[in-house]
Amino acid sequence: MTAHVSHVQMGAYMSRGSLEAFIHRLSKRARRELVRLAVVASGNSQEALAEEVKVTRQSISKFVSGRAHPSDDTMARILGVIASGSPYVRREAARILREEMEAVVSGYAAALELLGPDSES
C-alpha cells in the first residue's frame, strides 16, 4: 500500500489553508486527470486507489469517466497518493497543477485589469 503524504509535506511552501483553497479551485478536468494518475500510482488498480483514499471502487470509476468529481477532501488524499508515486506520475501531476495555477493567476490579472490602475494600491 502506498504511504500517504500529509498536507504539510505536499505543500512545503503553502500553508494548509492555501493548499485547501488551491484544491478547491481545481477544475473538473484537472480532478479527472489527477485521479487517472493516482490510479497509475496505485498499480493501475481502481480498487487499490479506492481503498487508499477511502471511497468505493465505483466512485473511482465515476471520477475517471467524469460522471462524478471527487470532493476537496478526497482530492487531498488523491494528491497524497500521487506524491508517493513514480517520477513520471509526479511530473505529470505537477504539469496539471501548473496549468491550473496559471489559469488562476491569469484570471486574477484580468480581474485587476478590469478594476483599473487605482485598484492596485
PDB file of N, CA and C in Angstrom:
ATOM      1  N   MET A   1       0.837  -1.180   0.000  1.00  0.00           N
ATOM      2  CA  MET A   1       0.000   0.000   0.000  1.00  0.00           C
ATOM      3  C   MET A   1       0.880   1.242   0.000  1.00  0.00           C
ATOM      4  N   THR A   2       0.483   2.260  -0.729  1.00  0.00           N
ATOM      5  CA  THR A   2       1.238   3.492  -0.850  1.00  0.00           C
ATOM      6  C   THR A   2       1.103   4.323   0.422  1.00  0.00           C
ATOM      7  N   ALA A   3       2.199   4.907   0.866  1.00  0.00           N
ATOM      8  CA  ALA A   3       2.163   5.761   2.049  1.00  0.00           C
ATOM      9  C   ALA A   3       1.496   7.089   1.713  1.00  0.00           C
ATOM     10  N   HIS A   4       0.731   7.597   2.642  1.00  0.00           N
ATOM     11  CA  HIS A   4       0.075   8.884   2.427  1.00  0.00           C
ATOM     12  C   HIS A   4       1.007  10.013   2.824  1.00  0.00           C
ATOM     13  N   VAL A   5       0.873  11.124   2.146  1.00  0.00           N
ATOM     14  CA  VAL A   5       1.701  12.290   2.398  1.00  0.00           C
ATOM     15  C   VAL A   5       0.808  13.342   3.030  1.00  0.00           C
ATOM     16  N   SER A   6       1.279  13.971   4.080  1.00  0.00           N
ATOM     17  CA  SER A   6       0.465  14.965   4.780  1.00  0.00           C
ATOM     18  C   SER A   6       0.352  16.247   3.973  1.00  0.00           C
ATOM     19  N   HIS A   7      -0.608  17.086   4.372  1.00  0.00           N
ATOM     20  CA  HIS A   7      -0.755  18.396   3.745  1.00  0.00           C
ATOM     21  C   HIS A   7       0.554  19.188   3.862  1.00  0.00           C
ATOM     22  N   VAL A   8       1.224  19.075   5.007  1.00  0.00           N
ATOM     23  CA  VAL A   8       2.472  19.817   5.220  1.00  0.00           C
ATOM     24  C   VAL A   8       3.539  19.358   4.231  1.00  0.00           C
ATOM     25  N   GLN A   9       3.663  18.045   4.014  1.00  0.00           N
ATOM     26  CA  GLN A   9       4.653  17.539   3.084  1.00  0.00           C
ATOM     27  C   GLN A   9       4.318  17.928   1.650  1.00  0.00           C
ATOM     28  N   MET A  10       3.034  17.887   1.270  1.00  0.00           N
ATOM     29  CA  MET A  10       2.644  18.226  -0.098  1.00  0.00           C
ATOM     30  C   MET A  10       2.851  19.703  -0.374  1.00  0.00           C
ATOM     31  N   GLY A  11       2.586  20.530   0.599  1.00  0.00           N
ATOM     32  CA  GLY A  11       2.637  21.970   0.366  1.00  0.00           C
ATOM     33  C   GLY A  11       3.735  22.618   1.181  1.00  0.00           C
ATOM     34  N   ALA A  12       4.978  22.244   0.915  1.00  0.00           N
ATOM     35  CA  ALA A  12       6.094  22.764   1.702  1.00  0.00           C
ATOM     36  C   ALA A  12       6.116  24.292   1.715  1.00  0.00           C
ATOM     37  N   TYR A  13       5.679  24.918   0.646  1.00  0.00           N
ATOM     38  CA  TYR A  13       5.696  26.370   0.564  1.00  0.00           C
ATOM     39  C   TYR A  13       4.298  26.965   0.698  1.00  0.00           C
ATOM     40  N   MET A  14       3.308  26.132   1.014  1.00  0.00           N
ATOM     41  CA  MET A  14       1.928  26.598   1.155  1.00  0.00           C
ATOM     42  C   MET A  14       1.456  26.334   2.568  1.00  0.00           C
ATOM     43  N   SER A  15       0.659  27.251   3.093  1.00  0.00           N
ATOM     44  CA  SER A  15       0.014  26.942   4.361  1.00  0.00           C
ATOM     45  C   SER A  15      -1.103  25.948   4.093  1.00  0.00           C
ATOM     46  N   ARG A  16      -1.573  25.297   5.129  1.00  0.00           N
ATOM     47  CA  ARG A  16      -2.653  24.321   4.959  1.00  0.00           C
ATOM     48  C   ARG A  16      -3.864  24.994   4.315  1.00  0.00           C
ATOM     49  N   GLY A  17      -4.192  26.191   4.746  1.00  0.00           N
ATOM     50  CA  GLY A  17      -5.340  26.911   4.196  1.00  0.00           C
ATOM     51  C   GLY A  17      -5.174  27.228   2.723  1.00  0.00           C
ATOM     52  N   SER A  18      -3.979  27.613   2.308  1.00  0.00           N
ATOM     53  CA  SER A  18      -3.785  27.945   0.900  1.00  0.00           C
ATOM     54  C   SER A  18      -3.793  26.684   0.038  1.00  0.00           C
ATOM     55  N   LEU A  19      -3.314  25.558   0.569  1.00  0.00           N
ATOM     56  CA  LEU A  19      -3.380  24.299  -0.170  1.00  0.00           C
ATOM     57  C   LEU A  19      -4.838  23.886  -0.343  1.00  0.00           C
ATOM     58  N   GLU A  20      -5.614  23.996   0.727  1.00  0.00           N
ATOM     59  CA  GLU A  20      -7.032  23.660   0.635  1.00  0.00           C
ATOM     60  C   GLU A  20      -7.752  24.571  -0.351  1.00  0.00           C
ATOM     61  N   ALA A  21      -7.404  25.859  -0.356  1.00  0.00           N
ATOM     62  CA  ALA A  21      -8.030  26.798  -1.296  1.00  0.00           C
ATOM     63  C   ALA A  21      -7.654  26.448  -2.732  1.00  0.00           C
ATOM     64  N   PHE A  22      -6.409  26.048  -2.951  1.00  0.00           N
ATOM     65  CA  PHE A  22      -5.979  25.665  -4.298  1.00  0.00           C
ATOM     66  C   PHE A  22      -6.716  24.414  -4.753  1.00  0.00           C
ATOM     67  N   ILE A  23      -6.812  23.423  -3.872  1.00  0.00           N
ATOM     68  CA  ILE A  23      -7.534  22.198  -4.209  1.00  0.00           C
ATOM     69  C   ILE A  23      -8.987  22.526  -4.550  1.00  0.00           C
ATOM     70  N   HIS A  24      -9.586  23.422  -3.779  1.00  0.00           N
ATOM     71  CA  HIS A  24     -10.980  23.793  -4.015  1.00  0.00           C
ATOM     72  C   HIS A  24     -11.182  24.383  -5.420  1.00  0.00           C
ATOM     73  N   ARG A  25     -10.173  25.059  -5.930  1.00  0.00           N
ATOM     74  CA  ARG A  25     -10.274  25.712  -7.239  1.00  0.00           C
ATOM     75  C   ARG A  25      -9.910  24.809  -8.418  1.00  0.00           C
ATOM     76  N   LEU A  26      -9.524  23.571  -8.154  1.00  0.00           N
ATOM     77  CA  LEU A  26      -9.164  22.680  -9.258  1.00  0.00           C
ATOM     78  C   LEU A  26     -10.360  22.454 -10.175  1.00  0.00           C
ATOM     79  N   SER A  27     -10.119  22.526 -11.452  1.00  0.00           N
ATOM     80  CA  SER A  27     -11.180  22.298 -12.433  1.00  0.00           C
ATOM     81  C   SER A  27     -11.592  20.829 -12.448  1.00  0.00           C
ATOM     82  N   LYS A  28     -12.754  20.570 -13.023  1.00  0.00           N
ATOM     83  CA  LYS A  28     -13.217  19.188 -13.162  1.00  0.00           C
ATOM     84  C   LYS A  28     -12.248  18.391 -14.026  1.00  0.00           C
ATOM     85  N   ARG A  29     -11.734  19.002 -15.084  1.00  0.00           N
ATOM     86  CA  ARG A  29     -10.770  18.336 -15.962  1.00  0.00           C
ATOM     87  C   ARG A  29      -9.520  17.943 -15.186  1.00  0.00           C
ATOM     88  N   ALA A  30      -8.994  18.872 -14.381  1.00  0.00           N
ATOM     89  CA  ALA A  30      -7.783  18.583 -13.604  1.00  0.00           C
ATOM     90  C   ALA A  30      -8.038  17.478 -12.590  1.00  0.00           C
ATOM     91  N   ARG A  31      -9.185  17.518 -11.935  1.00  0.00           N
ATOM     92  CA  ARG A  31      -9.515  16.473 -10.964  1.00  0.00           C
ATOM     93  C   ARG A  31      -9.543  15.102 -11.649  1.00  0.00           C
ATOM     94  N   ARG A  32     -10.181  15.039 -12.817  1.00  0.00           N
ATOM     95  CA  ARG A  32     -10.269  13.764 -13.545  1.00  0.00           C
ATOM     96  C   ARG A  32      -8.874  13.271 -13.930  1.00  0.00           C
ATOM     97  N   GLU A  33      -8.023  14.165 -14.454  1.00  0.00           N
ATOM     98  CA  GLU A  33      -6.667  13.764 -14.850  1.00  0.00           C
ATOM     99  C   GLU A  33      -5.841  13.324 -13.645  1.00  0.00           C
ATOM    100  N   LEU A  34      -5.997  14.014 -12.531  1.00  0.00           N
ATOM    101  CA  LEU A  34      -5.250  13.644 -11.331  1.00  0.00           C
ATOM    102  C   LEU A  34      -5.708  12.289 -10.782  1.00  0.00           C
ATOM    103  N   VAL A  35      -7.004  12.015 -10.859  1.00  0.00           N
ATOM    104  CA  VAL A  35      -7.490  10.700 -10.430  1.00  0.00           C
ATOM    105  C   VAL A  35      -6.875   9.622 -11.321  1.00  0.00           C
ATOM    106  N   ARG A  36      -6.827   9.867 -12.608  1.00  0.00           N
ATOM    107  CA  ARG A  36      -6.229   8.878 -13.523  1.00  0.00           C
ATOM    108  C   ARG A  36      -4.768   8.625 -13.170  1.00  0.00           C
ATOM    109  N   LEU A  37      -4.034   9.670 -12.829  1.00  0.00           N
ATOM    110  CA  LEU A  37      -2.637   9.495 -12.416  1.00  0.00           C
ATOM    111  C   LEU A  37      -2.543   8.726 -11.101  1.00  0.00           C
ATOM    112  N   ALA A  38      -3.464   8.992 -10.199  1.00  0.00           N
ATOM    113  CA  ALA A  38      -3.452   8.276  -8.919  1.00  0.00           C
ATOM    114  C   ALA A  38      -3.729   6.792  -9.127  1.00  0.00           C
ATOM    115  N   VAL A  39      -4.559   6.454 -10.107  1.00  0.00           N
ATOM    116  CA  VAL A  39      -4.796   5.042 -10.425  1.00  0.00           C
ATOM    117  C   VAL A  39      -3.474   4.407 -10.865  1.00  0.00           C
ATOM    118  N   VAL A  40      -2.728   5.101 -11.702  1.00  0.00           N
ATOM    119  CA  VAL A  40      -1.418   4.603 -12.151  1.00  0.00           C
ATOM    120  C   VAL A  40      -0.499   4.423 -10.937  1.00  0.00           C
ATOM    121  N   ALA A  41      -0.500   5.419 -10.045  1.00  0.00           N
ATOM    122  CA  ALA A  41       0.356   5.354  -8.851  1.00  0.00           C
ATOM    123  C   ALA A  41      -0.038   4.200  -7.935  1.00  0.00           C
ATOM    124  N   SER A  42      -1.284   3.759  -8.047  1.00  0.00           N
ATOM    125  CA  SER A  42      -1.772   2.642  -7.224  1.00  0.00           C
ATOM    126  C   SER A  42      -1.667   1.310  -7.945  1.00  0.00           C
ATOM    127  N   GLY A  43      -0.752   1.217  -8.883  1.00  0.00           N
ATOM    128  CA  GLY A  43      -0.545  -0.043  -9.594  1.00  0.00           C
ATOM    129  C   GLY A  43      -1.590  -0.316 -10.658  1.00  0.00           C
ATOM    130  N   ASN A  44      -2.129   0.746 -11.247  1.00  0.00           N
ATOM    131  CA  ASN A  44      -3.169   0.635 -12.277  1.00  0.00           C
ATOM    132  C   ASN A  44      -4.416  -0.079 -11.763  1.00  0.00           C
ATOM    133  N   SER A  45      -4.717   0.096 -10.501  1.00  0.00           N
ATOM    134  CA  SER A  45      -5.865  -0.559  -9.895  1.00  0.00           C
ATOM    135  C   SER A  45      -6.804   0.462  -9.271  1.00  0.00           C
ATOM    136  N   GLN A  46      -8.010   0.580  -9.849  1.00  0.00           N
ATOM    137  CA  GLN A  46      -9.012   1.466  -9.261  1.00  0.00           C
ATOM    138  C   GLN A  46      -9.382   0.991  -7.865  1.00  0.00           C
ATOM    139  N   GLU A  47      -9.411  -0.316  -7.675  1.00  0.00           N
ATOM    140  CA  GLU A  47      -9.751  -0.876  -6.367  1.00  0.00           C
ATOM    141  C   GLU A  47      -8.713  -0.487  -5.314  1.00  0.00           C
ATOM    142  N   ALA A  48      -7.436  -0.569  -5.674  1.00  0.00           N
ATOM    143  CA  ALA A  48      -6.376  -0.198  -4.722  1.00  0.00           C
ATOM    144  C   ALA A  48      -6.459   1.287  -4.381  1.00  0.00           C
ATOM    145  N   LEU A  49      -6.696   2.125  -5.399  1.00  0.00           N
ATOM    146  CA  LEU A  49      -6.820   3.562  -5.130  1.00  0.00           C
ATOM    147  C   LEU A  49      -8.024   3.832  -4.233  1.00  0.00           C
ATOM    148  N   ALA A  50      -9.136   3.185  -4.516  1.00  0.00           N
ATOM    149  CA  ALA A  50     -10.343   3.376  -3.700  1.00  0.00           C
ATOM    150  C   ALA A  50     -10.059   3.060  -2.241  1.00  0.00           C
ATOM    151  N   GLU A  51      -9.341   1.964  -2.006  1.00  0.00           N
ATOM    152  CA  GLU A  51      -9.010   1.585  -0.637  1.00  0.00           C
ATOM    153  C   GLU A  51      -8.110   2.636   0.016  1.00  0.00           C
ATOM    154  N   GLU A  52      -7.130   3.120  -0.732  1.00  0.00           N
ATOM    155  CA  GLU A  52      -6.192   4.107  -0.189  1.00  0.00           C
ATOM    156  C   GLU A  52      -6.856   5.428   0.171  1.00  0.00           C
ATOM    157  N   VAL A  53      -7.820   5.873  -0.648  1.00  0.00           N
ATOM    158  CA  VAL A  53      -8.436   7.190  -0.407  1.00  0.00           C
ATOM    159  C   VAL A  53      -9.789   7.076   0.281  1.00  0.00           C
ATOM    160  N   LYS A  54     -10.162   5.839   0.648  1.00  0.00           N
ATOM    161  CA  LYS A  54     -11.360   5.578   1.448  1.00  0.00           C
ATOM    162  C   LYS A  54     -12.657   5.992   0.751  1.00  0.00           C
ATOM    163  N   VAL A  55     -12.775   5.562  -0.522  1.00  0.00           N
ATOM    164  CA  VAL A  55     -14.023   5.693  -1.278  1.00  0.00           C
ATOM    165  C   VAL A  55     -14.283   4.348  -1.947  1.00  0.00           C
ATOM    166  N   THR A  56     -15.425   4.206  -2.586  1.00  0.00           N
ATOM    167  CA  THR A  56     -15.723   2.935  -3.265  1.00  0.00           C
ATOM    168  C   THR A  56     -15.020   2.872  -4.623  1.00  0.00           C
ATOM    169  N   ARG A  57     -14.850   1.654  -5.123  1.00  0.00           N
ATOM    170  CA  ARG A  57     -14.289   1.479  -6.456  1.00  0.00           C
ATOM    171  C   ARG A  57     -15.198   2.121  -7.488  1.00  0.00           C
ATOM    172  N   GLN A  58     -16.508   2.059  -7.255  1.00  0.00           N
ATOM    173  CA  GLN A  58     -17.457   2.681  -8.164  1.00  0.00           C
ATOM    174  C   GLN A  58     -17.255   4.196  -8.217  1.00  0.00           C
ATOM    175  N   SER A  59     -16.925   4.797  -7.091  1.00  0.00           N
ATOM    176  CA  SER A  59     -16.642   6.239  -7.069  1.00  0.00           C
ATOM    177  C   SER A  59     -15.425   6.549  -7.933  1.00  0.00           C
ATOM    178  N   ILE A  60     -14.365   5.760  -7.787  1.00  0.00           N
ATOM    179  CA  ILE A  60     -13.168   5.974  -8.606  1.00  0.00           C
ATOM    180  C   ILE A  60     -13.522   5.845 -10.078  1.00  0.00           C
ATOM    181  N   SER A  61     -14.314   4.843 -10.432  1.00  0.00           N
ATOM    182  CA  SER A  61     -14.735   4.651 -11.817  1.00  0.00           C
ATOM    183  C   SER A  61     -15.483   5.886 -12.331  1.00  0.00           C
ATOM    184  N   LYS A  62     -16.364   6.430 -11.509  1.00  0.00           N
ATOM    185  CA  LYS A  62     -17.105   7.640 -11.898  1.00  0.00           C
ATOM    186  C   LYS A  62     -16.180   8.843 -12.022  1.00  0.00           C
ATOM    187  N   PHE A  63     -15.171   8.951 -11.141  1.00  0.00           N
ATOM    188  CA  PHE A  63     -14.209  10.053 -11.220  1.00  0.00           C
ATOM    189  C   PHE A  63     -13.411   9.971 -12.522  1.00  0.00           C
ATOM    190  N   VAL A  64     -12.960   8.771 -12.858  1.00  0.00           N
ATOM    191  CA  VAL A  64     -12.152   8.565 -14.065  1.00  0.00           C
ATOM    192  C   VAL A  64     -12.950   8.892 -15.322  1.00  0.00           C
ATOM    193  N   SER A  65     -14.228   8.518 -15.329  1.00  0.00           N
ATOM    194  CA  SER A  65     -15.063   8.751 -16.517  1.00  0.00           C
ATOM    195  C   SER A  65     -15.611  10.168 -16.590  1.00  0.00           C
ATOM    196  N   GLY A  66     -15.525  10.912 -15.496  1.00  0.00           N
ATOM    197  CA  GLY A  66     -16.060  12.268 -15.477  1.00  0.00           C
ATOM    198  C   GLY A  66     -17.533  12.344 -15.113  1.00  0.00           C
ATOM    199  N   ARG A  67     -18.142  11.205 -14.740  1.00  0.00           N
ATOM    200  CA  ARG A  67     -19.553  11.215 -14.336  1.00  0.00           C
ATOM    201  C   ARG A  67     -19.751  11.785 -12.940  1.00  0.00           C
ATOM    202  N   ALA A  68     -18.686  11.860 -12.158  1.00  0.00           N
ATOM    203  CA  ALA A  68     -18.703  12.458 -10.819  1.00  0.00           C
ATOM    204  C   ALA A  68     -17.318  13.052 -10.583  1.00  0.00           C
ATOM    205  N   HIS A  69     -17.215  13.906  -9.582  1.00  0.00           N
ATOM    206  CA  HIS A  69     -15.938  14.562  -9.292  1.00  0.00           C
ATOM    207  C   HIS A  69     -15.647  14.445  -7.803  1.00  0.00           C
ATOM    208  N   PRO A  70     -14.392  14.155  -7.459  1.00  0.00           N
ATOM    209  CA  PRO A  70     -14.039  13.970  -6.047  1.00  0.00           C
ATOM    210  C   PRO A  70     -14.162  15.261  -5.251  1.00  0.00           C
ATOM    211  N   SER A  71     -14.547  15.111  -3.993  1.00  0.00           N
ATOM    212  CA  SER A  71     -14.603  16.254  -3.077  1.00  0.00           C
ATOM    213  C   SER A  71     -13.196  16.783  -2.830  1.00  0.00           C
ATOM    214  N   ASP A  72     -13.124  17.940  -2.208  1.00  0.00           N
ATOM    215  CA  ASP A  72     -11.823  18.517  -1.883  1.00  0.00           C
ATOM    216  C   ASP A  72     -11.029  17.601  -0.949  1.00  0.00           C
ATOM    217  N   ASP A  73     -11.694  17.012   0.052  1.00  0.00           N
ATOM    218  CA  ASP A  73     -11.002  16.109   0.971  1.00  0.00           C
ATOM    219  C   ASP A  73     -10.468  14.880   0.244  1.00  0.00           C
ATOM    220  N   THR A  74     -11.274  14.333  -0.656  1.00  0.00           N
ATOM    221  CA  THR A  74     -10.821  13.177  -1.432  1.00  0.00           C
ATOM    222  C   THR A  74      -9.665  13.576  -2.339  1.00  0.00           C
ATOM    223  N   MET A  75      -9.733  14.773  -2.929  1.00  0.00           N
ATOM    224  CA  MET A  75      -8.631  15.238  -3.786  1.00  0.00           C
ATOM    225  C   MET A  75      -7.338  15.368  -2.986  1.00  0.00           C
ATOM    226  N   ALA A  76      -7.426  15.832  -1.761  1.00  0.00           N
ATOM    227  CA  ALA A  76      -6.213  15.944  -0.930  1.00  0.00           C
ATOM    228  C   ALA A  76      -5.598  14.560  -0.720  1.00  0.00           C
ATOM    229  N   ARG A  77      -6.438  13.558  -0.474  1.00  0.00           N
ATOM    230  CA  ARG A  77      -5.920  12.195  -0.301  1.00  0.00           C
ATOM    231  C   ARG A  77      -5.356  11.656  -1.620  1.00  0.00           C
ATOM    232  N   ILE A  78      -6.003  11.985  -2.730  1.00  0.00           N
ATOM    233  CA  ILE A  78      -5.520  11.569  -4.053  1.00  0.00           C
ATOM    234  C   ILE A  78      -4.157  12.194  -4.331  1.00  0.00           C
ATOM    235  N   LEU A  79      -3.984  13.466  -3.982  1.00  0.00           N
ATOM    236  CA  LEU A  79      -2.676  14.102  -4.166  1.00  0.00           C
ATOM    237  C   LEU A  79      -1.613  13.420  -3.309  1.00  0.00           C
ATOM    238  N   GLY A  80      -1.992  12.952  -2.132  1.00  0.00           N
ATOM    239  CA  GLY A  80      -1.055  12.208  -1.293  1.00  0.00           C
ATOM    240  C   GLY A  80      -0.595  10.928  -1.960  1.00  0.00           C
ATOM    241  N   VAL A  81      -1.508  10.245  -2.623  1.00  0.00           N
ATOM    242  CA  VAL A  81      -1.151   9.016  -3.357  1.00  0.00           C
ATOM    243  C   VAL A  81      -0.209   9.371  -4.499  1.00  0.00           C
ATOM    244  N   ILE A  82      -0.532  10.429  -5.224  1.00  0.00           N
ATOM    245  CA  ILE A  82       0.309  10.859  -6.349  1.00  0.00           C
ATOM    246  C   ILE A  82       1.704  11.231  -5.865  1.00  0.00           C
ATOM    247  N   ALA A  83       1.782  11.913  -4.733  1.00  0.00           N
ATOM    248  CA  ALA A  83       3.079  12.360  -4.200  1.00  0.00           C
ATOM    249  C   ALA A  83       4.009  11.196  -3.898  1.00  0.00           C
ATOM    250  N   SER A  84       3.437  10.032  -3.636  1.00  0.00           N
ATOM    251  CA  SER A  84       4.284   8.871  -3.360  1.00  0.00           C
ATOM    252  C   SER A  84       4.433   7.978  -4.595  1.00  0.00           C
ATOM    253  N   GLY A  85       4.010   8.484  -5.752  1.00  0.00           N
ATOM    254  CA  GLY A  85       4.093   7.720  -6.997  1.00  0.00           C
ATOM    255  C   GLY A  85       5.442   7.866  -7.680  1.00  0.00           C
ATOM    256  N   SER A  86       5.516   7.335  -8.873  1.00  0.00           N
ATOM    257  CA  SER A  86       6.757   7.359  -9.656  1.00  0.00           C
ATOM    258  C   SER A  86       7.093   8.775 -10.099  1.00  0.00           C
ATOM    259  N   PRO A  87       8.337   9.004 -10.506  1.00  0.00           N
ATOM    260  CA  PRO A  87       8.710  10.323 -11.028  1.00  0.00           C
ATOM    261  C   PRO A  87       7.807  10.761 -12.189  1.00  0.00           C
ATOM    262  N   TYR A  88       7.445   9.829 -13.067  1.00  0.00           N
ATOM    263  CA  TYR A  88       6.550  10.162 -14.183  1.00  0.00           C
ATOM    264  C   TYR A  88       5.214  10.703 -13.669  1.00  0.00           C
ATOM    265  N   VAL A  89       4.617   9.998 -12.718  1.00  0.00           N
ATOM    266  CA  VAL A  89       3.320  10.403 -12.171  1.00  0.00           C
ATOM    267  C   VAL A  89       3.434  11.774 -11.520  1.00  0.00           C
ATOM    268  N   ARG A  90       4.485  11.990 -10.737  1.00  0.00           N
ATOM    269  CA  ARG A  90       4.662  13.282 -10.069  1.00  0.00           C
ATOM    270  C   ARG A  90       4.882  14.408 -11.077  1.00  0.00           C
ATOM    271  N   ARG A  91       5.652  14.133 -12.146  1.00  0.00           N
ATOM    272  CA  ARG A  91       5.880  15.160 -13.190  1.00  0.00           C
ATOM    273  C   ARG A  91       4.579  15.531 -13.888  1.00  0.00           C
ATOM    274  N   GLU A  92       3.803  14.523 -14.241  1.00  0.00           N
ATOM    275  CA  GLU A  92       2.528  14.787 -14.919  1.00  0.00           C
ATOM    276  C   GLU A  92       1.571  15.558 -14.007  1.00  0.00           C
ATOM    277  N   ALA A  93       1.529  15.189 -12.746  1.00  0.00           N
ATOM    278  CA  ALA A  93       0.674  15.909 -11.794  1.00  0.00           C
ATOM    279  C   ALA A  93       1.148  17.350 -11.649  1.00  0.00           C
ATOM    280  N   ALA A  94       2.451  17.550 -11.591  1.00  0.00           N
ATOM    281  CA  ALA A  94       2.991  18.914 -11.482  1.00  0.00           C
ATOM    282  C   ALA A  94       2.609  19.741 -12.706  1.00  0.00           C
ATOM    283  N   ARG A  95       2.641  19.137 -13.879  1.00  0.00           N
ATOM    284  CA  ARG A  95       2.245  19.847 -15.104  1.00  0.00           C
ATOM    285  C   ARG A  95       0.785  20.279 -15.014  1.00  0.00           C
ATOM    286  N   ILE A  96      -0.078  19.373 -14.584  1.00  0.00           N
ATOM    287  CA  ILE A  96      -1.506  19.683 -14.449  1.00  0.00           C
ATOM    288  C   ILE A  96      -1.713  20.806 -13.436  1.00  0.00           C
ATOM    289  N   LEU A  97      -1.038  20.705 -12.305  1.00  0.00           N
ATOM    290  CA  LEU A  97      -1.191  21.716 -11.263  1.00  0.00           C
ATOM    291  C   LEU A  97      -0.643  23.071 -11.706  1.00  0.00           C
ATOM    292  N   ARG A  98       0.457  23.064 -12.465  1.00  0.00           N
ATOM    293  CA  ARG A  98       0.981  24.330 -13.008  1.00  0.00           C
ATOM    294  C   ARG A  98      -0.036  24.990 -13.931  1.00  0.00           C
ATOM    295  N   GLU A  99      -0.648  24.190 -14.797  1.00  0.00           N
ATOM    296  CA  GLU A  99      -1.668  24.725 -15.704  1.00  0.00           C
ATOM    297  C   GLU A  99      -2.823  25.340 -14.914  1.00  0.00           C
ATOM    298  N   GLU A 100      -3.224  24.670 -13.850  1.00  0.00           N
ATOM    299  CA  GLU A 100      -4.307  25.196 -13.009  1.00  0.00           C
ATOM    300  C   GLU A 100      -3.886  26.500 -12.342  1.00  0.00           C
ATOM    301  N   MET A 101      -2.665  26.542 -11.831  1.00  0.00           N
ATOM    302  CA  MET A 101      -2.169  27.741 -11.167  1.00  0.00           C
ATOM    303  C   MET A 101      -2.082  28.899 -12.154  1.00  0.00           C
ATOM    304  N   GLU A 102      -1.602  28.629 -13.362  1.00  0.00           N
ATOM    305  CA  GLU A 102      -1.506  29.676 -14.379  1.00  0.00           C
ATOM    306  C   GLU A 102      -2.881  30.223 -14.737  1.00  0.00           C
ATOM    307  N   ALA A 103      -3.888  29.370 -14.769  1.00  0.00           N
ATOM    308  CA  ALA A 103      -5.251  29.821 -15.063  1.00  0.00           C
ATOM    309  C   ALA A 103      -5.761  30.738 -13.953  1.00  0.00           C
ATOM    310  N   VAL A 104      -5.470  30.389 -12.692  1.00  0.00           N
ATOM    311  CA  VAL A 104      -5.894  31.229 -11.566  1.00  0.00           C
ATOM    312  C   VAL A 104      -5.194  32.583 -11.625  1.00  0.00           C
ATOM    313  N   VAL A 105      -3.887  32.576 -11.876  1.00  0.00           N
ATOM    314  CA  VAL A 105      -3.126  33.827 -11.937  1.00  0.00           C
ATOM    315  C   VAL A 105      -3.612  34.692 -13.098  1.00  0.00           C
ATOM    316  N   SER A 106      -3.882  34.071 -14.248  1.00  0.00           N
ATOM    317  CA  SER A 106      -4.392  34.828 -15.397  1.00  0.00           C
ATOM    318  C   SER A 106      -5.738  35.457 -15.075  1.00  0.00           C
ATOM    319  N   GLY A 107      -6.584  34.723 -14.400  1.00  0.00           N
ATOM    320  CA  GLY A 107      -7.890  35.254 -14.006  1.00  0.00           C
ATOM    321  C   GLY A 107      -7.750  36.411 -13.040  1.00  0.00           C
ATOM    322  N   TYR A 108      -6.832  36.298 -12.098  1.00  0.00           N
ATOM    323  CA  TYR A 108      -6.576  37.362 -11.138  1.00  0.00           C
ATOM    324  C   TYR A 108      -6.079  38.615 -11.863  1.00  0.00           C
ATOM    325  N   ALA A 109      -5.139  38.429 -12.791  1.00  0.00           N
ATOM    326  CA  ALA A 109      -4.603  39.561 -13.550  1.00  0.00           C
ATOM    327  C   ALA A 109      -5.701  40.233 -14.377  1.00  0.00           C
ATOM    328  N   ALA A 110      -6.564  39.450 -14.999  1.00  0.00           N
ATOM    329  CA  ALA A 110      -7.659  40.011 -15.793  1.00  0.00           C
ATOM    330  C   ALA A 110      -8.620  40.791 -14.911  1.00  0.00           C
ATOM    331  N   ALA A 111      -8.907  40.265 -13.722  1.00  0.00           N
ATOM    332  CA  ALA A 111      -9.803  40.966 -12.800  1.00  0.00           C
ATOM    333  C   ALA A 111      -9.195  42.282 -12.351  1.00  0.00           C
ATOM    334  N   LEU A 112      -7.885  42.299 -12.045  1.00  0.00           N
ATOM    335  CA  LEU A 112      -7.221  43.547 -11.659  1.00  0.00           C
ATOM    336  C   LEU A 112      -7.250  44.566 -12.795  1.00  0.00           C
ATOM    337  N   GLU A 113      -7.067  44.077 -14.010  1.00  0.00           N
ATOM    338  CA  GLU A 113      -7.099  44.963 -15.173  1.00  0.00           C
ATOM    339  C   GLU A 113      -8.476  45.610 -15.321  1.00  0.00           C
ATOM    340  N   LEU A 114      -9.517  44.845 -15.077  1.00  0.00           N
ATOM    341  CA  LEU A 114     -10.884  45.387 -15.141  1.00  0.00           C
ATOM    342  C   LEU A 114     -11.109  46.473 -14.099  1.00  0.00           C
ATOM    343  N   LEU A 115     -10.493  46.311 -12.935  1.00  0.00           N
ATOM    344  CA  LEU A 115     -10.672  47.284 -11.852  1.00  0.00           C
ATOM    345  C   LEU A 115      -9.926  48.585 -12.102  1.00  0.00           C
ATOM    346  N   GLY A 116      -8.916  48.543 -12.949  1.00  0.00           N
ATOM    347  CA  GLY A 116      -8.168  49.752 -13.298  1.00  0.00           C
ATOM    348  C   GLY A 116      -6.950  49.969 -12.423  1.00  0.00           C
ATOM    349  N   PRO A 117      -6.148  50.982 -12.800  1.00  0.00           N
ATOM    350  CA  PRO A 117      -4.862  51.218 -12.135  1.00  0.00           C
ATOM    351  C   PRO A 117      -4.971  51.617 -10.675  1.00  0.00           C
ATOM    352  N   ASP A 118      -6.050  52.260 -10.270  1.00  0.00           N
ATOM    353  CA  ASP A 118      -6.180  52.709  -8.869  1.00  0.00           C
ATOM    354  C   ASP A 118      -6.434  51.563  -7.910  1.00  0.00           C
ATOM    355  N   SER A 119      -6.765  50.398  -8.413  1.00  0.00           N
ATOM    356  CA  SER A 119      -7.115  49.262  -7.550  1.00  0.00           C
ATOM    357  C   SER A 119      -5.913  48.548  -6.969  1.00  0.00           C
ATOM    358  N   GLU A 120      -4.722  48.788  -7.483  1.00  0.00           N
ATOM    359  CA  GLU A 120      -3.532  48.054  -7.035  1.00  0.00           C
ATOM    360  C   GLU A 120      -2.861  48.689  -5.833  1.00  0.00           C
ATOM    361  N   SER A 121      -3.332  49.807  -5.358  1.00  0.00           N
ATOM    362  CA  SER A 121      -2.710  50.484  -4.217  1.00  0.00           C
ATOM    363  C   SER A 121      -2.970  49.787  -2.924  1.00  0.00           C
TER     364      SER A 121
END
